N, C-alpha and C. Protein backbone atom coordinates (compact mmCIF):
# COMPACT_ATOMS: atom_id res chain seq x y z
N MET A 1 89.46 111.08 124.70
CA MET A 1 87.81 111.04 123.82
C MET A 1 86.80 111.65 124.95
N SER A 2 85.99 111.86 124.41
CA SER A 2 84.80 112.34 125.45
C SER A 2 84.36 111.40 126.27
N GLU A 3 83.45 111.48 127.33
CA GLU A 3 82.89 111.15 128.08
C GLU A 3 82.02 110.06 127.65
N LYS A 4 81.06 110.25 126.44
CA LYS A 4 80.37 109.49 125.61
C LYS A 4 80.94 108.05 124.92
N PHE A 5 82.40 108.44 124.69
CA PHE A 5 83.00 107.24 123.92
C PHE A 5 84.42 106.96 124.83
N PRO A 6 84.45 106.50 126.18
CA PRO A 6 85.49 106.42 126.93
C PRO A 6 86.50 105.62 125.96
N LEU A 7 87.90 105.69 126.00
CA LEU A 7 88.62 104.92 125.62
C LEU A 7 89.05 103.41 126.39
N GLN A 8 88.73 102.38 125.65
CA GLN A 8 89.05 100.86 126.52
C GLN A 8 90.30 100.36 126.07
N ALA A 9 90.63 99.83 126.84
CA ALA A 9 92.28 98.98 126.59
C ALA A 9 91.68 97.84 126.11
N ILE A 10 92.85 97.52 124.94
CA ILE A 10 92.20 96.34 124.15
C ILE A 10 92.47 95.20 125.22
N SER A 11 93.05 95.13 126.24
CA SER A 11 93.22 93.60 127.01
C SER A 11 91.72 93.60 127.59
N GLU A 12 90.96 94.69 127.56
CA GLU A 12 89.59 94.57 128.14
C GLU A 12 88.66 94.07 127.24
N VAL A 13 88.79 93.77 125.92
CA VAL A 13 87.68 92.98 124.91
C VAL A 13 87.63 91.80 125.03
N ALA A 14 86.53 91.23 125.52
CA ALA A 14 86.49 89.64 125.40
C ALA A 14 86.08 89.49 124.50
N ASP A 15 85.51 90.09 123.47
CA ASP A 15 85.36 89.64 121.77
C ASP A 15 86.30 90.11 120.79
N PRO A 16 87.08 89.50 120.48
CA PRO A 16 88.04 90.40 119.54
C PRO A 16 87.45 90.62 118.24
N GLN A 17 86.25 89.68 118.06
CA GLN A 17 85.22 90.17 116.30
C GLN A 17 84.94 91.48 116.64
N LYS A 18 85.05 92.17 117.79
CA LYS A 18 83.83 93.14 117.94
C LYS A 18 85.11 94.43 117.92
N ILE A 19 86.33 94.15 117.71
CA ILE A 19 86.99 95.03 117.38
C ILE A 19 86.87 95.87 115.74
N ARG A 20 86.92 97.29 115.51
CA ARG A 20 86.97 97.60 114.27
C ARG A 20 87.85 98.60 114.30
N VAL A 21 88.37 98.95 113.06
CA VAL A 21 89.20 99.83 112.54
C VAL A 21 88.56 100.86 111.49
N VAL A 22 89.04 102.17 111.92
CA VAL A 22 88.27 103.13 111.35
C VAL A 22 89.43 103.65 110.19
N ILE A 23 89.03 103.71 109.01
CA ILE A 23 90.17 104.16 107.59
C ILE A 23 89.37 105.29 106.89
N PHE A 24 90.09 106.10 106.60
CA PHE A 24 90.08 107.04 105.58
C PHE A 24 90.17 106.39 104.18
N ILE A 25 88.92 106.40 102.87
CA ILE A 25 89.17 105.99 101.92
C ILE A 25 88.43 107.00 101.30
N ASN A 26 88.95 107.85 100.16
CA ASN A 26 88.18 108.81 99.30
C ASN A 26 87.37 109.72 99.63
N GLY A 27 87.98 110.23 100.59
CA GLY A 27 87.47 111.49 101.42
C GLY A 27 86.02 110.93 102.25
N GLU A 28 86.11 109.68 102.66
CA GLU A 28 84.98 109.15 103.83
C GLU A 28 85.59 108.15 104.60
N MET A 29 85.17 108.73 105.91
CA MET A 29 85.74 107.47 107.04
C MET A 29 84.82 106.24 106.92
N VAL A 30 85.59 105.23 107.10
CA VAL A 30 84.87 104.17 107.10
C VAL A 30 85.23 102.78 108.05
N HIS A 31 84.45 101.90 108.52
CA HIS A 31 84.92 101.14 109.41
C HIS A 31 84.97 99.72 108.82
N VAL A 32 85.66 98.69 109.29
CA VAL A 32 85.80 97.32 108.91
C VAL A 32 86.46 96.84 110.13
N PRO A 33 85.69 95.24 110.42
CA PRO A 33 86.21 94.62 111.69
C PRO A 33 87.63 94.44 111.19
N LEU A 34 88.26 94.35 112.58
CA LEU A 34 89.93 93.89 112.21
C LEU A 34 90.22 92.80 111.89
N SER A 35 89.55 92.08 112.31
CA SER A 35 89.57 90.50 111.78
C SER A 35 89.40 90.37 110.11
N ALA A 36 88.66 90.97 109.43
CA ALA A 36 88.27 91.12 108.32
C ALA A 36 89.84 91.82 107.38
N LEU A 37 90.17 93.07 108.03
CA LEU A 37 91.24 93.48 107.65
C LEU A 37 92.36 92.81 107.37
N LEU A 38 92.80 92.20 108.49
CA LEU A 38 93.85 91.34 108.73
C LEU A 38 93.93 90.10 107.98
N ALA A 39 92.47 89.23 107.32
CA ALA A 39 92.57 88.35 106.77
C ALA A 39 92.87 88.61 105.42
N HIS A 40 92.55 89.72 104.95
CA HIS A 40 92.92 90.40 103.71
C HIS A 40 94.12 90.52 103.30
N VAL A 41 94.91 91.10 104.26
CA VAL A 41 96.24 91.01 104.46
C VAL A 41 97.11 89.67 104.47
N GLN A 42 96.67 88.81 105.45
CA GLN A 42 97.32 87.66 105.23
C GLN A 42 96.94 86.95 104.08
N ALA A 43 96.30 86.95 103.24
CA ALA A 43 95.71 86.64 101.50
C ALA A 43 97.13 87.10 101.02
N GLN A 44 97.07 88.57 100.86
CA GLN A 44 98.05 88.88 100.15
C GLN A 44 99.49 88.64 100.55
N LEU A 45 99.93 88.22 101.81
CA LEU A 45 101.16 88.07 102.15
C LEU A 45 101.79 86.43 101.71
N ASP A 46 100.43 85.47 101.82
CA ASP A 46 100.45 84.14 101.45
C ASP A 46 100.69 84.09 99.84
N SER A 47 100.02 85.18 99.27
CA SER A 47 100.46 85.24 97.72
C SER A 47 101.63 85.66 97.28
N LEU A 48 102.40 86.51 98.05
CA LEU A 48 103.60 86.99 97.95
C LEU A 48 104.54 86.12 98.41
N ASP A 49 104.49 85.11 99.29
CA ASP A 49 105.36 84.30 99.75
C ASP A 49 105.37 83.02 98.52
N ALA A 50 104.25 82.61 97.94
CA ALA A 50 104.07 81.61 97.23
C ALA A 50 105.04 82.07 95.79
N ARG A 51 104.68 83.32 95.55
CA ARG A 51 105.65 83.79 94.50
C ARG A 51 107.00 83.86 94.61
N VAL A 52 107.53 84.38 95.74
CA VAL A 52 108.56 84.29 95.86
C VAL A 52 109.45 83.01 95.95
N THR A 53 108.74 82.02 96.82
CA THR A 53 109.04 80.63 96.86
C THR A 53 109.36 80.05 95.27
N ALA A 54 108.21 80.23 94.30
CA ALA A 54 108.46 79.71 93.11
C ALA A 54 109.77 80.51 92.28
N LEU A 55 109.84 81.55 92.72
CA LEU A 55 111.36 82.45 92.12
C LEU A 55 112.81 81.86 92.44
N GLU A 56 112.55 81.49 93.42
CA GLU A 56 113.68 80.85 94.37
C GLU A 56 113.89 79.42 93.94
N ALA A 57 112.97 78.49 93.26
CA ALA A 57 113.25 77.15 93.36
C ALA A 57 114.26 77.16 91.76
N PRO A 58 114.83 76.05 91.49
CA PRO A 58 115.50 75.97 90.71
C PRO A 58 114.77 75.38 89.11
């Protein structure tokens, strides 16, 4: 990266809420807090787990 935006090791981040992820959607770059992205993924995994458990039940 440039001197204007030096890379920072993730272990040096004091506040994890400040970690943002840049993604490319519909031809545009957008950014989202990592915690919000992971919360959505966790909700989807919980839903999938509940559906699988229901299928496994006799």
